Amino acid sequence: MSDNINNLFQLTPEYVKDVCKVLGDAFQDDPIMVFTYPDAEERKKKAQYGFYMLYNYGIKNEFAYATSENLEGVTMWLPPGNIYISIWTMMKNGMFYTLRKVGLKMKAMKRTMAIFNYTEKRHKELVPYDHWYLQNIGVKPEEQGKGYGGHLLRTMINEVKSDGLPIYLETNTEKAMSIYQRYGFEILDHEIIPYTDVPLWCMLRTCKES
């Protein structure tokens, strides 16, 4: 761990549910969440649980960070060799907890899995070589616009660039896409995910100085 990464707070297991609450609030208007839970009240209650497996896995493997223990912003980055999370790994990291919390609704599950499977397929097609994966980043709604997201991005970019590997990410909003462009990410692909109204930007940052 470099001095650079010491500027962040490494998340530990006791924070996972609080992290999910932060992300559930941060992604209320995200196109994937709106597609999965069209009803706003249901989305408000259930959006957070979609992050549980992901961050449970990331925290256990020391891939997840926050701006501070107050969780103004959180992020998860996956290194080469740990990017694609299997069904077995999801089961071990809380899939059944998530399913109980969202009510085992088949329609929502099918919507989520259709998007997950398509984005993973495009990920593998677009970057079939070693790279880092910016899996997720989110900031509490009341803390947005204060520089927390930028702090997470700059710190993590500076941390991983010594590997000389590119960084890949996906986003589903034009606003986020334009922010990532300011940090050196370029668009590899832009499309609408089939059978949905969800836009998808696939982006890559090559190895270069910030």
Protein backbone atom coordinates (compact mmCIF):
# COMPACT_ATOMS: atom_id res chain seq x y z
CA MET A 1 0.00 0.00 0.00
CA SER A 2 1.50 3.33 -1.06
CA ASP A 3 1.42 6.65 0.78
CA ASN A 4 -1.04 7.76 -1.91
CA ILE A 5 -3.67 5.18 -0.96
CA ASN A 6 -3.26 6.05 2.70
CA ASN A 7 -5.23 9.19 1.88
CA LEU A 8 -8.31 6.95 1.68
CA PHE A 9 -10.15 4.87 4.27
CA GLN A 10 -10.02 1.15 3.54
CA LEU A 11 -13.43 -0.34 4.15
CA THR A 12 -13.87 -3.23 6.58
CA PRO A 13 -16.76 -5.72 6.92
CA GLU A 14 -18.67 -3.83 9.58
CA TYR A 15 -19.24 -0.99 7.08
CA VAL A 16 -20.85 -3.02 4.30
CA LYS A 17 -24.50 -2.25 5.12
CA ASP A 18 -23.79 1.45 5.60
CA VAL A 19 -21.95 1.50 2.28
CA CYS A 20 -24.97 -0.08 0.59
CA LYS A 21 -27.22 2.60 2.03
CA VAL A 22 -24.91 5.32 0.64
CA LEU A 23 -25.01 3.72 -2.81
CA GLY A 24 -28.73 3.05 -2.73
CA ASP A 25 -29.31 6.77 -2.15
CA ALA A 26 -26.66 7.83 -4.67
CA PHE A 27 -28.08 5.71 -7.49
CA GLN A 28 -31.81 6.39 -7.04
CA ASP A 29 -32.04 8.08 -10.44
CA ASP A 30 -29.56 5.82 -12.23
CA PRO A 31 -31.08 4.32 -15.41
CA ILE A 32 -30.33 0.75 -14.31
CA MET A 33 -32.12 1.29 -11.00
CA VAL A 34 -35.08 2.95 -12.68
CA PHE A 35 -35.31 0.09 -15.18
CA THR A 36 -35.06 -2.55 -12.44
CA TYR A 37 -37.48 -0.81 -10.05
CA PRO A 38 -39.81 1.46 -12.04
CA ASP A 39 -41.79 2.29 -8.90
CA ALA A 40 -39.98 5.08 -7.02
CA GLU A 41 -41.09 3.93 -3.56
CA GLU A 42 -39.93 0.38 -4.17
CA ARG A 43 -36.64 1.68 -5.58
CA LYS A 44 -36.07 3.81 -2.48
CA LYS A 45 -36.45 0.76 -0.25
CA LYS A 46 -34.62 -1.84 -2.32
CA ALA A 47 -31.92 -0.20 -4.45
CA GLN A 48 -29.31 -0.51 -1.70
CA TYR A 49 -29.46 -4.30 -1.58
CA GLY A 50 -28.14 -4.66 -5.11
CA PHE A 51 -24.73 -3.51 -3.86
CA TYR A 52 -24.45 -5.96 -0.97
CA MET A 53 -22.82 -8.89 -2.78
CA LEU A 54 -20.46 -6.62 -4.68
CA TYR A 55 -19.14 -4.69 -1.69
CA ASN A 56 -19.13 -7.71 0.60
CA TYR A 57 -16.76 -9.31 -1.91
CA GLY A 58 -14.73 -6.14 -2.44
CA ILE A 59 -14.31 -5.39 1.25
CA LYS A 60 -13.27 -8.97 2.08
CA ASN A 61 -10.61 -8.81 -0.63
CA GLU A 62 -9.43 -5.28 0.27
CA PHE A 63 -10.59 -3.73 -3.00
CA ALA A 64 -12.99 -1.14 -1.54
CA TYR A 65 -12.29 2.34 -0.18
CA ALA A 66 -14.06 5.44 1.14
CA THR A 67 -13.10 9.08 1.47
CA SER A 68 -13.25 8.65 5.27
CA GLU A 69 -15.04 6.61 7.92
CA ASN A 70 -17.98 9.00 7.39
CA LEU A 71 -18.46 7.43 3.93
CA GLU A 72 -18.98 10.66 2.02
CA GLY A 73 -17.97 8.69 -1.08
CA VAL A 74 -17.10 5.04 -1.70
CA THR A 75 -15.48 3.11 -4.52
CA MET A 76 -14.49 -0.39 -5.55
CA TRP A 77 -11.73 -1.27 -8.01
CA LEU A 78 -10.93 -4.80 -9.17
CA PRO A 79 -7.42 -5.81 -10.27
CA PRO A 80 -6.46 -8.12 -13.14
CA GLY A 81 -7.34 -11.70 -12.26
CA ASN A 82 -10.24 -10.71 -9.97
CA ILE A 83 -12.51 -8.81 -12.32
CA TYR A 84 -15.25 -11.28 -13.20
CA ILE A 85 -17.30 -12.48 -10.23
CA SER A 86 -18.74 -15.98 -10.57
CA ILE A 87 -22.19 -17.11 -9.42
CA TRP A 88 -20.48 -19.23 -6.75
CA THR A 89 -18.61 -16.18 -5.47
CA MET A 90 -21.86 -14.19 -5.41
CA MET A 91 -23.53 -16.96 -3.43
CA LYS A 92 -20.70 -16.91 -0.88
CA ASN A 93 -20.91 -13.14 -0.56
CA GLY A 94 -24.58 -12.64 0.19
CA MET A 95 -26.70 -13.45 -2.84
CA PHE A 96 -29.41 -15.08 -0.72
CA TYR A 97 -29.45 -12.13 1.68
CA THR A 98 -29.98 -9.83 -1.28
CA LEU A 99 -32.74 -11.98 -2.72
CA ARG A 100 -34.58 -12.02 0.61
CA LYS A 101 -34.35 -8.25 0.92
CA VAL A 102 -35.60 -7.50 -2.58
CA GLY A 103 -38.47 -9.96 -2.12
CA LEU A 104 -37.44 -12.58 -4.69
CA LYS A 105 -39.32 -10.71 -7.41
CA MET A 106 -38.64 -12.61 -10.62
CA LYS A 107 -39.23 -9.61 -12.89
CA ALA A 108 -36.67 -7.43 -11.08
CA MET A 109 -34.18 -10.31 -10.96
CA LYS A 110 -34.53 -10.95 -14.69
CA ARG A 111 -34.11 -7.27 -15.49
CA THR A 112 -30.98 -7.01 -13.37
CA MET A 113 -29.39 -10.19 -14.72
CA ALA A 114 -30.09 -9.22 -18.34
CA ILE A 115 -28.16 -5.99 -17.85
CA PHE A 116 -25.38 -7.66 -15.84
CA ASN A 117 -24.88 -10.39 -18.45
CA TYR A 118 -24.81 -7.95 -21.35
CA THR A 119 -22.38 -5.50 -19.76
CA GLU A 120 -20.06 -8.35 -18.75
CA LYS A 121 -20.17 -9.71 -22.31
CA ARG A 122 -19.23 -6.29 -23.75
CA HIS A 123 -16.52 -5.88 -21.11
CA LYS A 124 -14.87 -9.14 -22.18
CA GLU A 125 -15.17 -8.27 -25.88
CA LEU A 126 -13.80 -4.74 -25.60
CA VAL A 127 -10.84 -5.32 -23.26
CA PRO A 128 -9.63 -8.94 -23.62
CA TYR A 129 -6.34 -8.14 -21.91
CA ASP A 130 -5.06 -7.28 -18.44
CA HIS A 131 -6.57 -4.13 -16.97
CA TRP A 132 -8.00 -2.59 -13.82
CA TYR A 133 -11.77 -2.32 -13.49
CA LEU A 134 -13.37 0.67 -11.82
CA GLN A 135 -16.37 -1.37 -10.72
CA ASN A 136 -18.26 1.27 -8.79
CA ILE A 137 -18.07 4.74 -7.32
CA GLY A 138 -20.75 6.72 -5.52
CA VAL A 139 -21.15 9.78 -3.33
CA LYS A 140 -23.90 10.57 -0.82
CA PRO A 141 -26.44 12.90 -2.46
CA GLU A 142 -25.92 15.59 0.21
CA GLU A 143 -22.14 15.45 -0.34
CA GLN A 144 -22.13 15.60 -4.13
CA GLY A 145 -20.39 18.53 -5.76
CA LYS A 146 -17.86 18.86 -2.93
CA GLY A 147 -14.98 17.03 -4.61
CA TYR A 148 -15.29 13.63 -2.91
CA GLY A 149 -15.75 11.71 -6.16
CA GLY A 150 -12.79 13.46 -7.73
CA HIS A 151 -10.64 12.69 -4.70
CA LEU A 152 -11.47 8.99 -4.97
CA LEU A 153 -10.78 8.95 -8.70
CA ARG A 154 -7.49 10.83 -8.56
CA THR A 155 -6.18 8.79 -5.66
CA MET A 156 -7.02 5.43 -7.19
CA ILE A 157 -5.73 6.39 -10.65
CA ASN A 158 -2.43 7.45 -9.12
CA GLU A 159 -2.33 4.24 -7.08
CA VAL A 160 -2.79 1.81 -9.95
CA LYS A 161 -0.98 3.60 -12.80
CA SER A 162 2.40 2.23 -11.70
CA ASP A 163 1.24 -1.15 -13.06
CA GLY A 164 1.21 0.34 -16.54
CA LEU A 165 -2.23 -1.15 -17.19
CA PRO A 166 -5.34 0.57 -18.55
CA ILE A 167 -8.47 1.17 -16.47
CA TYR A 168 -11.90 0.15 -17.75
CA LEU A 169 -15.33 1.26 -16.55
CA GLU A 170 -18.97 1.41 -17.56
CA THR A 171 -21.45 4.17 -16.87
CA ASN A 172 -25.10 4.71 -17.72
CA THR A 173 -25.43 8.50 -17.64
CA GLU A 174 -24.08 11.22 -19.90
CA LYS A 175 -23.20 13.33 -16.86
CA ALA A 176 -20.94 10.65 -15.39
CA MET A 177 -19.45 9.95 -18.81
CA SER A 178 -18.39 13.59 -19.19
CA ILE A 179 -16.84 13.57 -15.70
CA TYR A 180 -14.79 10.49 -16.53
CA GLN A 181 -13.59 12.12 -19.73
CA ARG A 182 -12.07 14.89 -17.62
CA TYR A 183 -9.98 12.22 -15.86
CA GLY A 184 -8.58 10.81 -19.10
CA PHE A 185 -11.14 8.11 -19.92
CA GLU A 186 -12.11 7.70 -23.56
CA ILE A 187 -15.27 6.15 -24.98
CA LEU A 188 -14.82 2.67 -26.43
CA ASP A 189 -18.49 2.06 -27.11
CA HIS A 190 -21.85 3.78 -26.64
CA GLU A 191 -25.13 1.96 -27.14
CA ILE A 192 -28.51 1.16 -25.63
CA ILE A 193 -28.54 -2.18 -23.82
CA PRO A 194 -30.75 -4.52 -25.90
CA TYR A 195 -34.37 -4.91 -24.78
CA THR A 196 -34.03 -1.97 -22.38
CA ASP A 197 -33.95 1.82 -22.50
CA VAL A 198 -30.67 1.89 -20.54
CA PRO A 199 -27.73 3.69 -22.18
CA LEU A 200 -24.26 2.22 -21.80
CA TRP A 201 -20.91 3.95 -22.14
CA CYS A 202 -17.86 1.68 -22.02
CA MET A 203 -14.71 3.69 -21.30
CA LEU A 204 -10.97 3.14 -21.04
CA ARG A 205 -8.12 5.13 -19.57
CA THR A 206 -4.73 4.16 -20.95
CA CYS A 207 -1.57 4.30 -18.90
CA LYS A 208 -0.43 7.91 -18.83
CA GLU A 209 0.42 10.61 -16.36
CA SER A 210 -2.48 12.49 -14.73
